[in-house]
Amino acid sequence: MCAASSPASSDASGPDDSVRAVVDAGGEPWERILGLLERRCRELPEGSVLELHSANPRVRSSLRGWCRLTRSTLLTDEETGEQSAYRIKLPTPPVPGTPRPSNFQKPESS
């Protein structure tokens, strides 16, 4: 099955958590899905929700790590048969003056 990306059929003016785009990754490996997600994230407004469909069971743990690194929020994680659906909320820009945590830990000094 080929990986595909399409706009969601839901109304874009709906609630804040309405899905704006769907990425159907089939059984693609995480490395391919990562490229699809990054491309789709660049196309969507900040704070948008996208849905990822994957038949690859190894995607779950990689996606959780990706969400932490990108400050995205994994809203739902549903498994139906051989496929899983993940709803992901993309990060919104911080309010000016609000400190942002670093993605990197400071090295311990000796």
PDB file of N, CA and C in Angstrom:
ATOM      1  N   MET A   1       0.840  -1.179   0.000  1.00  0.00           N
ATOM      2  CA  MET A   1       0.000   0.000   0.000  1.00  0.00           C
ATOM      3  C   MET A   1       0.880   1.235   0.000  1.00  0.00           C
ATOM      4  N   CYS A   2       0.556   2.185  -0.784  1.00  0.00           N
ATOM      5  CA  CYS A   2       1.355   3.391  -0.917  1.00  0.00           C
ATOM      6  C   CYS A   2       0.959   4.399   0.162  1.00  0.00           C
ATOM      7  N   ALA A   3       1.924   5.119   0.655  1.00  0.00           N
ATOM      8  CA  ALA A   3       1.636   6.163   1.634  1.00  0.00           C
ATOM      9  C   ALA A   3       0.986   7.331   0.915  1.00  0.00           C
ATOM     10  N   ALA A   4       0.011   7.943   1.551  1.00  0.00           N
ATOM     11  CA  ALA A   4      -0.691   9.062   0.932  1.00  0.00           C
ATOM     12  C   ALA A   4      -1.034  10.100   1.977  1.00  0.00           C
ATOM     13  N   SER A   5      -1.277  11.293   1.509  1.00  0.00           N
ATOM     14  CA  SER A   5      -1.637  12.389   2.390  1.00  0.00           C
ATOM     15  C   SER A   5      -2.763  13.161   1.724  1.00  0.00           C
ATOM     16  N   SER A   6      -3.759  13.520   2.505  1.00  0.00           N
ATOM     17  CA  SER A   6      -4.879  14.245   1.924  1.00  0.00           C
ATOM     18  C   SER A   6      -5.495  15.173   2.949  1.00  0.00           C
ATOM     19  N   PRO A   7      -6.219  16.201   2.464  1.00  0.00           N
ATOM     20  CA  PRO A   7      -6.937  17.040   3.409  1.00  0.00           C
ATOM     21  C   PRO A   7      -8.044  16.235   4.065  1.00  0.00           C
ATOM     22  N   ALA A   8      -8.343  16.556   5.298  1.00  0.00           N
ATOM     23  CA  ALA A   8      -9.412  15.867   6.006  1.00  0.00           C
ATOM     24  C   ALA A   8     -10.752  16.359   5.492  1.00  0.00           C
ATOM     25  N   SER A   9     -11.754  15.519   5.616  1.00  0.00           N
ATOM     26  CA  SER A   9     -13.076  15.896   5.140  1.00  0.00           C
ATOM     27  C   SER A   9     -13.827  16.744   6.160  1.00  0.00           C
ATOM     28  N   SER A  10     -13.276  16.894   7.365  1.00  0.00           N
ATOM     29  CA  SER A  10     -13.964  17.681   8.390  1.00  0.00           C
ATOM     30  C   SER A  10     -13.891  19.166   8.076  1.00  0.00           C
ATOM     31  N   ASP A  11     -14.794  19.917   8.627  1.00  0.00           N
ATOM     32  CA  ASP A  11     -14.869  21.355   8.424  1.00  0.00           C
ATOM     33  C   ASP A  11     -13.709  22.037   9.121  1.00  0.00           C
ATOM     34  N   ALA A  12     -12.916  22.823   8.372  1.00  0.00           N
ATOM     35  CA  ALA A  12     -11.749  23.495   8.936  1.00  0.00           C
ATOM     36  C   ALA A  12     -12.137  24.537   9.974  1.00  0.00           C
ATOM     37  N   SER A  13     -13.364  25.009   9.974  1.00  0.00           N
ATOM     38  CA  SER A  13     -13.769  26.017  10.944  1.00  0.00           C
ATOM     39  C   SER A  13     -14.412  25.386  12.172  1.00  0.00           C
ATOM     40  N   GLY A  14     -14.291  24.070  12.314  1.00  0.00           N
ATOM     41  CA  GLY A  14     -14.884  23.345  13.433  1.00  0.00           C
ATOM     42  C   GLY A  14     -14.137  23.574  14.722  1.00  0.00           C
ATOM     43  N   PRO A  15     -14.345  22.685  15.697  1.00  0.00           N
ATOM     44  CA  PRO A  15     -13.681  22.837  16.985  1.00  0.00           C
ATOM     45  C   PRO A  15     -12.165  22.799  16.846  1.00  0.00           C
ATOM     46  N   ASP A  16     -11.492  23.284  17.870  1.00  0.00           N
ATOM     47  CA  ASP A  16     -10.041  23.408  17.866  1.00  0.00           C
ATOM     48  C   ASP A  16      -9.335  22.088  17.602  1.00  0.00           C
ATOM     49  N   ASP A  17      -9.966  20.962  17.953  1.00  0.00           N
ATOM     50  CA  ASP A  17      -9.323  19.668  17.768  1.00  0.00           C
ATOM     51  C   ASP A  17      -9.818  18.923  16.530  1.00  0.00           C
ATOM     52  N   SER A  18     -10.454  19.620  15.581  1.00  0.00           N
ATOM     53  CA  SER A  18     -10.902  18.951  14.365  1.00  0.00           C
ATOM     54  C   SER A  18      -9.692  18.636  13.482  1.00  0.00           C
ATOM     55  N   VAL A  19      -9.742  17.515  12.818  1.00  0.00           N
ATOM     56  CA  VAL A  19      -8.636  17.055  11.993  1.00  0.00           C
ATOM     57  C   VAL A  19      -8.552  17.886  10.721  1.00  0.00           C
ATOM     58  N   ARG A  20      -7.366  18.450  10.454  1.00  0.00           N
ATOM     59  CA  ARG A  20      -7.142  19.271   9.261  1.00  0.00           C
ATOM     60  C   ARG A  20      -6.568  18.464   8.104  1.00  0.00           C
ATOM     61  N   ALA A  21      -5.879  17.342   8.409  1.00  0.00           N
ATOM     62  CA  ALA A  21      -5.263  16.529   7.364  1.00  0.00           C
ATOM     63  C   ALA A  21      -5.119  15.092   7.851  1.00  0.00           C
ATOM     64  N   VAL A  22      -5.125  14.161   6.895  1.00  0.00           N
ATOM     65  CA  VAL A  22      -4.947  12.749   7.195  1.00  0.00           C
ATOM     66  C   VAL A  22      -3.753  12.232   6.397  1.00  0.00           C
ATOM     67  N   VAL A  23      -2.863  11.529   7.080  1.00  0.00           N
ATOM     68  CA  VAL A  23      -1.734  10.868   6.425  1.00  0.00           C
ATOM     69  C   VAL A  23      -1.974   9.374   6.543  1.00  0.00           C
ATOM     70  N   ASP A  24      -2.184   8.698   5.398  1.00  0.00           N
ATOM     71  CA  ASP A  24      -2.383   7.255   5.380  1.00  0.00           C
ATOM     72  C   ASP A  24      -1.059   6.621   4.981  1.00  0.00           C
ATOM     73  N   ALA A  25      -0.339   6.100   5.966  1.00  0.00           N
ATOM     74  CA  ALA A  25       1.010   5.584   5.731  1.00  0.00           C
ATOM     75  C   ALA A  25       1.046   4.089   5.450  1.00  0.00           C
ATOM     76  N   GLY A  26      -0.088   3.416   5.494  1.00  0.00           N
ATOM     77  CA  GLY A  26      -0.092   1.980   5.234  1.00  0.00           C
ATOM     78  C   GLY A  26       0.882   1.267   6.153  1.00  0.00           C
ATOM     79  N   GLY A  27       1.690   0.396   5.610  1.00  0.00           N
ATOM     80  CA  GLY A  27       2.674  -0.341   6.399  1.00  0.00           C
ATOM     81  C   GLY A  27       4.074   0.204   6.255  1.00  0.00           C
ATOM     82  N   GLU A  28       4.200   1.456   5.806  1.00  0.00           N
ATOM     83  CA  GLU A  28       5.513   2.068   5.580  1.00  0.00           C
ATOM     84  C   GLU A  28       6.351   2.082   6.859  1.00  0.00           C
ATOM     85  N   PRO A  29       7.684   2.033   6.721  1.00  0.00           N
ATOM     86  CA  PRO A  29       8.562   2.119   7.893  1.00  0.00           C
ATOM     87  C   PRO A  29       8.571   3.541   8.452  1.00  0.00           C
ATOM     88  N   TRP A  30       8.991   3.674   9.713  1.00  0.00           N
ATOM     89  CA  TRP A  30       9.007   4.966  10.391  1.00  0.00           C
ATOM     90  C   TRP A  30       9.794   6.014   9.606  1.00  0.00           C
ATOM     91  N   GLU A  31      10.912   5.635   9.018  1.00  0.00           N
ATOM     92  CA  GLU A  31      11.742   6.602   8.298  1.00  0.00           C
ATOM     93  C   GLU A  31      10.952   7.275   7.175  1.00  0.00           C
ATOM     94  N   ARG A  32      10.119   6.536   6.491  1.00  0.00           N
ATOM     95  CA  ARG A  32       9.286   7.101   5.417  1.00  0.00           C
ATOM     96  C   ARG A  32       8.158   7.940   6.011  1.00  0.00           C
ATOM     97  N   ILE A  33       7.556   7.452   7.090  1.00  0.00           N
ATOM     98  CA  ILE A  33       6.462   8.179   7.737  1.00  0.00           C
ATOM     99  C   ILE A  33       6.969   9.514   8.281  1.00  0.00           C
ATOM    100  N   LEU A  34       8.179   9.522   8.831  1.00  0.00           N
ATOM    101  CA  LEU A  34       8.753  10.749   9.372  1.00  0.00           C
ATOM    102  C   LEU A  34       8.815  11.837   8.298  1.00  0.00           C
ATOM    103  N   GLY A  35       9.266  11.474   7.110  1.00  0.00           N
ATOM    104  CA  GLY A  35       9.312  12.446   6.009  1.00  0.00           C
ATOM    105  C   GLY A  35       7.926  12.954   5.642  1.00  0.00           C
ATOM    106  N   LEU A  36       6.945  12.058   5.615  1.00  0.00           N
ATOM    107  CA  LEU A  36       5.568  12.466   5.305  1.00  0.00           C
ATOM    108  C   LEU A  36       5.024  13.421   6.363  1.00  0.00           C
ATOM    109  N   LEU A  37       5.267  13.099   7.635  1.00  0.00           N
ATOM    110  CA  LEU A  37       4.786  13.954   8.727  1.00  0.00           C
ATOM    111  C   LEU A  37       5.432  15.336   8.670  1.00  0.00           C
ATOM    112  N   GLU A  38       6.744  15.373   8.486  1.00  0.00           N
ATOM    113  CA  GLU A  38       7.438  16.665   8.463  1.00  0.00           C
ATOM    114  C   GLU A  38       6.948  17.534   7.306  1.00  0.00           C
ATOM    115  N   ARG A  39       6.751  16.933   6.145  1.00  0.00           N
ATOM    116  CA  ARG A  39       6.254  17.698   4.987  1.00  0.00           C
ATOM    117  C   ARG A  39       4.856  18.231   5.264  1.00  0.00           C
ATOM    118  N   ARG A  40       3.998  17.368   5.820  1.00  0.00           N
ATOM    119  CA  ARG A  40       2.620  17.784   6.094  1.00  0.00           C
ATOM    120  C   ARG A  40       2.576  18.874   7.167  1.00  0.00           C
ATOM    121  N   CYS A  41       3.435  18.765   8.172  1.00  0.00           N
ATOM    122  CA  CYS A  41       3.477  19.767   9.247  1.00  0.00           C
ATOM    123  C   CYS A  41       3.867  21.140   8.714  1.00  0.00           C
ATOM    124  N   ARG A  42       4.744  21.181   7.736  1.00  0.00           N
ATOM    125  CA  ARG A  42       5.139  22.472   7.139  1.00  0.00           C
ATOM    126  C   ARG A  42       3.979  23.108   6.388  1.00  0.00           C
ATOM    127  N   GLU A  43       3.063  22.296   5.884  1.00  0.00           N
ATOM    128  CA  GLU A  43       1.929  22.790   5.102  1.00  0.00           C
ATOM    129  C   GLU A  43       0.767  23.267   5.972  1.00  0.00           C
ATOM    130  N   LEU A  44       0.710  22.810   7.210  1.00  0.00           N
ATOM    131  CA  LEU A  44      -0.431  23.111   8.080  1.00  0.00           C
ATOM    132  C   LEU A  44      -0.142  24.282   9.012  1.00  0.00           C
ATOM    133  N   PRO A  45      -1.181  25.024   9.393  1.00  0.00           N
ATOM    134  CA  PRO A  45      -0.994  26.092  10.369  1.00  0.00           C
ATOM    135  C   PRO A  45      -0.619  25.526  11.744  1.00  0.00           C
ATOM    136  N   GLU A  46       0.092  26.324  12.525  1.00  0.00           N
ATOM    137  CA  GLU A  46       0.463  25.917  13.885  1.00  0.00           C
ATOM    138  C   GLU A  46      -0.800  25.608  14.675  1.00  0.00           C
ATOM    139  N   GLY A  47      -0.742  24.594  15.517  1.00  0.00           N
ATOM    140  CA  GLY A  47      -1.881  24.216  16.344  1.00  0.00           C
ATOM    141  C   GLY A  47      -2.889  23.320  15.644  1.00  0.00           C
ATOM    142  N   SER A  48      -2.640  22.983  14.371  1.00  0.00           N
ATOM    143  CA  SER A  48      -3.553  22.108  13.633  1.00  0.00           C
ATOM    144  C   SER A  48      -3.490  20.684  14.168  1.00  0.00           C
ATOM    145  N   VAL A  49      -4.531  19.927  13.870  1.00  0.00           N
ATOM    146  CA  VAL A  49      -4.573  18.518  14.231  1.00  0.00           C
ATOM    147  C   VAL A  49      -4.507  17.700  12.951  1.00  0.00           C
ATOM    148  N   LEU A  50      -3.588  16.720  12.944  1.00  0.00           N
ATOM    149  CA  LEU A  50      -3.546  15.802  11.814  1.00  0.00           C
ATOM    150  C   LEU A  50      -3.733  14.395  12.330  1.00  0.00           C
ATOM    151  N   GLU A  51      -4.178  13.525  11.440  1.00  0.00           N
ATOM    152  CA  GLU A  51      -4.408  12.137  11.805  1.00  0.00           C
ATOM    153  C   GLU A  51      -3.489  11.262  10.972  1.00  0.00           C
ATOM    154  N   LEU A  52      -2.803  10.352  11.619  1.00  0.00           N
ATOM    155  CA  LEU A  52      -1.903   9.417  10.971  1.00  0.00           C
ATOM    156  C   LEU A  52      -2.497   8.025  11.068  1.00  0.00           C
ATOM    157  N   HIS A  53      -2.606   7.331   9.927  1.00  0.00           N
ATOM    158  CA  HIS A  53      -3.047   5.941   9.902  1.00  0.00           C
ATOM    159  C   HIS A  53      -1.841   5.097   9.525  1.00  0.00           C
ATOM    160  N   SER A  54      -1.575   4.047  10.309  1.00  0.00           N
ATOM    161  CA  SER A  54      -0.434   3.190  10.044  1.00  0.00           C
ATOM    162  C   SER A  54      -0.740   1.745  10.406  1.00  0.00           C
ATOM    163  N   ALA A  55      -0.274   0.831   9.555  1.00  0.00           N
ATOM    164  CA  ALA A  55      -0.403  -0.593   9.838  1.00  0.00           C
ATOM    165  C   ALA A  55       0.898  -1.144  10.401  1.00  0.00           C
ATOM    166  N   ASN A  56       1.876  -0.278  10.629  1.00  0.00           N
ATOM    167  CA  ASN A  56       3.175  -0.688  11.165  1.00  0.00           C
ATOM    168  C   ASN A  56       3.142  -0.562  12.690  1.00  0.00           C
ATOM    169  N   PRO A  57       3.191  -1.672  13.426  1.00  0.00           N
ATOM    170  CA  PRO A  57       3.096  -1.602  14.893  1.00  0.00           C
ATOM    171  C   PRO A  57       4.291  -0.919  15.550  1.00  0.00           C
ATOM    172  N   ARG A  58       5.410  -0.797  14.860  1.00  0.00           N
ATOM    173  CA  ARG A  58       6.592  -0.163  15.434  1.00  0.00           C
ATOM    174  C   ARG A  58       6.514   1.360  15.431  1.00  0.00           C
ATOM    175  N   VAL A  59       5.526   1.908  14.758  1.00  0.00           N
ATOM    176  CA  VAL A  59       5.386   3.364  14.650  1.00  0.00           C
ATOM    177  C   VAL A  59       5.038   3.997  15.991  1.00  0.00           C
ATOM    178  N   ARG A  60       4.277   3.311  16.813  1.00  0.00           N
ATOM    179  CA  ARG A  60       3.762   3.870  18.077  1.00  0.00           C
ATOM    180  C   ARG A  60       4.867   4.507  18.928  1.00  0.00           C
ATOM    181  N   SER A  61       5.931   3.772  19.219  1.00  0.00           N
ATOM    182  CA  SER A  61       6.972   4.306  20.107  1.00  0.00           C
ATOM    183  C   SER A  61       7.760   5.425  19.428  1.00  0.00           C
ATOM    184  N   SER A  62       8.020   5.298  18.136  1.00  0.00           N
ATOM    185  CA  SER A  62       8.740   6.358  17.422  1.00  0.00           C
ATOM    186  C   SER A  62       7.916   7.635  17.365  1.00  0.00           C
ATOM    187  N   LEU A  63       6.615   7.491  17.166  1.00  0.00           N
ATOM    188  CA  LEU A  63       5.733   8.656  17.089  1.00  0.00           C
ATOM    189  C   LEU A  63       5.685   9.386  18.432  1.00  0.00           C
ATOM    190  N   ARG A  64       5.648   8.646  19.520  1.00  0.00           N
ATOM    191  CA  ARG A  64       5.648   9.283  20.849  1.00  0.00           C
ATOM    192  C   ARG A  64       6.917  10.113  21.047  1.00  0.00           C
ATOM    193  N   GLY A  65       8.067   9.570  20.653  1.00  0.00           N
ATOM    194  CA  GLY A  65       9.320  10.313  20.752  1.00  0.00           C
ATOM    195  C   GLY A  65       9.324  11.535  19.865  1.00  0.00           C
ATOM    196  N   TRP A  66       8.807  11.401  18.644  1.00  0.00           N
ATOM    197  CA  TRP A  66       8.735  12.529  17.716  1.00  0.00           C
ATOM    198  C   TRP A  66       7.852  13.640  18.294  1.00  0.00           C
ATOM    199  N   CYS A  67       6.744  13.257  18.899  1.00  0.00           N
ATOM    200  CA  CYS A  67       5.847  14.254  19.509  1.00  0.00           C
ATOM    201  C   CYS A  67       6.571  15.026  20.615  1.00  0.00           C
ATOM    202  N   ARG A  68       7.344  14.317  21.443  1.00  0.00           N
ATOM    203  CA  ARG A  68       8.096  15.007  22.506  1.00  0.00           C
ATOM    204  C   ARG A  68       9.097  15.990  21.908  1.00  0.00           C
ATOM    205  N   LEU A  69       9.825  15.558  20.899  1.00  0.00           N
ATOM    206  CA  LEU A  69      10.853  16.414  20.299  1.00  0.00           C
ATOM    207  C   LEU A  69      10.277  17.633  19.597  1.00  0.00           C
ATOM    208  N   THR A  70       9.119  17.486  18.978  1.00  0.00           N
ATOM    209  CA  THR A  70       8.520  18.589  18.227  1.00  0.00           C
ATOM    210  C   THR A  70       7.529  19.403  19.053  1.00  0.00           C
ATOM    211  N   ARG A  71       7.336  18.998  20.309  1.00  0.00           N
ATOM    212  CA  ARG A  71       6.352  19.633  21.202  1.00  0.00           C
ATOM    213  C   ARG A  71       4.925  19.497  20.675  1.00  0.00           C
ATOM    214  N   SER A  72       4.702  18.439  19.896  1.00  0.00           N
ATOM    215  CA  SER A  72       3.354  18.111  19.446  1.00  0.00           C
ATOM    216  C   SER A  72       2.687  17.283  20.536  1.00  0.00           C
ATOM    217  N   THR A  73       1.359  17.187  20.484  1.00  0.00           N
ATOM    218  CA  THR A  73       0.614  16.435  21.486  1.00  0.00           C
ATOM    219  C   THR A  73      -0.095  15.271  20.817  1.00  0.00           C
ATOM    220  N   LEU A  74       0.136  14.068  21.323  1.00  0.00           N
ATOM    221  CA  LEU A  74      -0.579  12.898  20.827  1.00  0.00           C
ATOM    222  C   LEU A  74      -1.930  12.874  21.535  1.00  0.00           C
ATOM    223  N   LEU A  75      -2.989  13.228  20.805  1.00  0.00           N
ATOM    224  CA  LEU A  75      -4.320  13.344  21.396  1.00  0.00           C
ATOM    225  C   LEU A  75      -4.986  11.988  21.578  1.00  0.00           C
ATOM    226  N   THR A  76      -4.919  11.146  20.547  1.00  0.00           N
ATOM    227  CA  THR A  76      -5.512   9.809  20.631  1.00  0.00           C
ATOM    228  C   THR A  76      -4.620   8.801  19.942  1.00  0.00           C
ATOM    229  N   ASP A  77      -4.759   7.571  20.365  1.00  0.00           N
ATOM    230  CA  ASP A  77      -3.987   6.455  19.843  1.00  0.00           C
ATOM    231  C   ASP A  77      -4.947   5.270  19.829  1.00  0.00           C
ATOM    232  N   GLU A  78      -5.567   5.014  18.673  1.00  0.00           N
ATOM    233  CA  GLU A  78      -6.591   3.976  18.593  1.00  0.00           C
ATOM    234  C   GLU A  78      -6.158   2.868  17.646  1.00  0.00           C
ATOM    235  N   GLU A  79      -6.339   1.638  18.083  1.00  0.00           N
ATOM    236  CA  GLU A  79      -6.011   0.487  17.248  1.00  0.00           C
ATOM    237  C   GLU A  79      -7.302  -0.183  16.808  1.00  0.00           C
ATOM    238  N   THR A  80      -7.444  -0.366  15.490  1.00  0.00           N
ATOM    239  CA  THR A  80      -8.616  -1.050  14.944  1.00  0.00           C
ATOM    240  C   THR A  80      -8.126  -2.132  14.000  1.00  0.00           C
ATOM    241  N   GLY A  81      -8.182  -3.359  14.463  1.00  0.00           N
ATOM    242  CA  GLY A  81      -7.704  -4.464  13.634  1.00  0.00           C
ATOM    243  C   GLY A  81      -6.209  -4.379  13.421  1.00  0.00           C
ATOM    244  N   GLU A  82      -5.799  -4.346  12.181  1.00  0.00           N
ATOM    245  CA  GLU A  82      -4.373  -4.311  11.857  1.00  0.00           C
ATOM    246  C   GLU A  82      -3.842  -2.897  11.658  1.00  0.00           C
ATOM    247  N   GLN A  83      -4.674  -1.891  11.845  1.00  0.00           N
ATOM    248  CA  GLN A  83      -4.257  -0.513  11.622  1.00  0.00           C
ATOM    249  C   GLN A  83      -4.476   0.329  12.872  1.00  0.00           C
ATOM    250  N   SER A  84      -3.598   1.306  13.068  1.00  0.00           N
ATOM    251  CA  SER A  84      -3.738   2.247  14.183  1.00  0.00           C
ATOM    252  C   SER A  84      -3.971   3.639  13.631  1.00  0.00           C
ATOM    253  N   ALA A  85      -4.716   4.434  14.378  1.00  0.00           N
ATOM    254  CA  ALA A  85      -4.967   5.825  14.019  1.00  0.00           C
ATOM    255  C   ALA A  85      -4.486   6.702  15.165  1.00  0.00           C
ATOM    256  N   TYR A  86      -3.705   7.702  14.834  1.00  0.00           N
ATOM    257  CA  TYR A  86      -3.142   8.620  15.823  1.00  0.00           C
ATOM    258  C   TYR A  86      -3.578  10.033  15.469  1.00  0.00           C
ATOM    259  N   ARG A  87      -4.138  10.761  16.445  1.00  0.00           N
ATOM    260  CA  ARG A  87      -4.458  12.178  16.237  1.00  0.00           C
ATOM    261  C   ARG A  87      -3.398  12.994  16.944  1.00  0.00           C
ATOM    262  N   ILE A  88      -2.781  13.893  16.206  1.00  0.00           N
ATOM    263  CA  ILE A  88      -1.640  14.658  16.693  1.00  0.00           C
ATOM    264  C   ILE A  88      -1.931  16.145  16.552  1.00  0.00           C
ATOM    265  N   LYS A  89      -1.765  16.872  17.658  1.00  0.00           N
ATOM    266  CA  LYS A  89      -1.932  18.328  17.618  1.00  0.00           C
ATOM    267  C   LYS A  89      -0.550  18.954  17.493  1.00  0.00           C
ATOM    268  N   LEU A  90      -0.359  19.736  16.447  1.00  0.00           N
ATOM    269  CA  LEU A  90       0.921  20.392  16.222  1.00  0.00           C
ATOM    270  C   LEU A  90       1.102  21.522  17.226  1.00  0.00           C
ATOM    271  N   PRO A  91       2.342  21.868  17.548  1.00  0.00           N
ATOM    272  CA  PRO A  91       2.571  22.903  18.564  1.00  0.00           C
ATOM    273  C   PRO A  91       2.115  24.280  18.090  1.00  0.00           C
ATOM    274  N   THR A  92       1.767  25.102  19.060  1.00  0.00           N
ATOM    275  CA  THR A  92       1.439  26.497  18.790  1.00  0.00           C
ATOM    276  C   THR A  92       2.622  27.338  19.243  1.00  0.00           C
ATOM    277  N   PRO A  93       2.791  28.520  18.663  1.00  0.00           N
ATOM    278  CA  PRO A  93       3.926  29.343  19.082  1.00  0.00           C
ATOM    279  C   PRO A  93       3.746  29.794  20.527  1.00  0.00           C
ATOM    280  N   PRO A  94       4.853  29.913  21.270  1.00  0.00           N
ATOM    281  CA  PRO A  94       4.740  30.353  22.666  1.00  0.00           C
ATOM    282  C   PRO A  94       4.333  31.821  22.739  1.00  0.00           C
ATOM    283  N   VAL A  95       3.706  32.177  23.832  1.00  0.00           N
ATOM    284  CA  VAL A  95       3.364  33.573  24.089  1.00  0.00           C
ATOM    285  C   VAL A  95       4.682  34.315  24.314  1.00  0.00           C
ATOM    286  N   PRO A  96       4.877  35.490  23.695  1.00  0.00           N
ATOM    287  CA  PRO A  96       6.137  36.210  23.899  1.00  0.00           C
ATOM    288  C   PRO A  96       6.437  36.413  25.380  1.00  0.00           C
ATOM    289  N   GLY A  97       7.685  36.157  25.744  1.00  0.00           N
ATOM    290  CA  GLY A  97       8.115  36.318  27.129  1.00  0.00           C
ATOM    291  C   GLY A  97       7.975  35.059  27.964  1.00  0.00           C
ATOM    292  N   THR A  98       7.338  34.021  27.395  1.00  0.00           N
ATOM    293  CA  THR A  98       7.187  32.764  28.119  1.00  0.00           C
ATOM    294  C   THR A  98       8.419  31.908  27.888  1.00  0.00           C
ATOM    295  N   PRO A  99       9.068  31.438  28.964  1.00  0.00           N
ATOM    296  CA  PRO A  99      10.241  30.583  28.764  1.00  0.00           C
ATOM    297  C   PRO A  99       9.854  29.263  28.121  1.00  0.00           C
ATOM    298  N   ARG A 100      10.705  28.792  27.215  1.00  0.00           N
ATOM    299  CA  ARG A 100      10.476  27.514  26.557  1.00  0.00           C
ATOM    300  C   ARG A 100      11.506  26.509  27.048  1.00  0.00           C
ATOM    301  N   PRO A 101      11.070  25.306  27.385  1.00  0.00           N
ATOM    302  CA  PRO A 101      12.033  24.287  27.796  1.00  0.00           C
ATOM    303  C   PRO A 101      12.900  23.873  26.614  1.00  0.00           C
ATOM    304  N   SER A 102      14.112  23.505  26.892  1.00  0.00           N
ATOM    305  CA  SER A 102      15.034  23.059  25.865  1.00  0.00           C
ATOM    306  C   SER A 102      14.780  21.600  25.524  1.00  0.00           C
ATOM    307  N   ASN A 103      15.028  21.236  24.270  1.00  0.00           N
ATOM    308  CA  ASN A 103      14.931  19.835  23.862  1.00  0.00           C
ATOM    309  C   ASN A 103      16.157  19.056  24.331  1.00  0.00           C
ATOM    310  N   PHE A 104      17.181  19.766  24.706  1.00  0.00           N
ATOM    311  CA  PHE A 104      18.439  19.132  25.087  1.00  0.00           C
ATOM    312  C   PHE A 104      18.715  19.356  26.562  1.00  0.00           C
ATOM    313  N   GLN A 105      19.231  18.338  27.216  1.00  0.00           N
ATOM    314  CA  GLN A 105      19.598  18.484  28.607  1.00  0.00           C
ATOM    315  C   GLN A 105      20.991  19.064  28.666  1.00  0.00           C
ATOM    316  N   LYS A 106      21.249  19.865  29.702  1.00  0.00           N
ATOM    317  CA  LYS A 106      22.586  20.422  29.894  1.00  0.00           C
ATOM    318  C   LYS A 106      23.536  19.303  30.323  1.00  0.00           C
ATOM    319  N   PRO A 107      24.730  19.276  29.759  1.00  0.00           N
ATOM    320  CA  PRO A 107      25.671  18.235  30.176  1.00  0.00           C
ATOM    321  C   PRO A 107      26.095  18.446  31.627  1.00  0.00           C
ATOM    322  N   GLU A 108      26.320  17.336  32.308  1.00  0.00           N
ATOM    323  CA  GLU A 108      26.753  17.423  33.697  1.00  0.00           C
ATOM    324  C   GLU A 108      28.192  17.892  33.726  1.00  0.00           C
ATOM    325  N   SER A 109      28.493  18.809  34.638  1.00  0.00           N
ATOM    326  CA  SER A 109      29.873  19.271  34.767  1.00  0.00           C
ATOM    327  C   SER A 109      30.614  18.368  35.738  1.00  0.00           C
ATOM    328  N   SER A 110      31.909  18.167  35.476  1.00  0.00           N
ATOM    329  CA  SER A 110      32.677  17.259  36.340  1.00  0.00           C
ATOM    330  C   SER A 110      33.455  17.984  37.373  1.00  0.00           C
TER     331      SER A 110
END
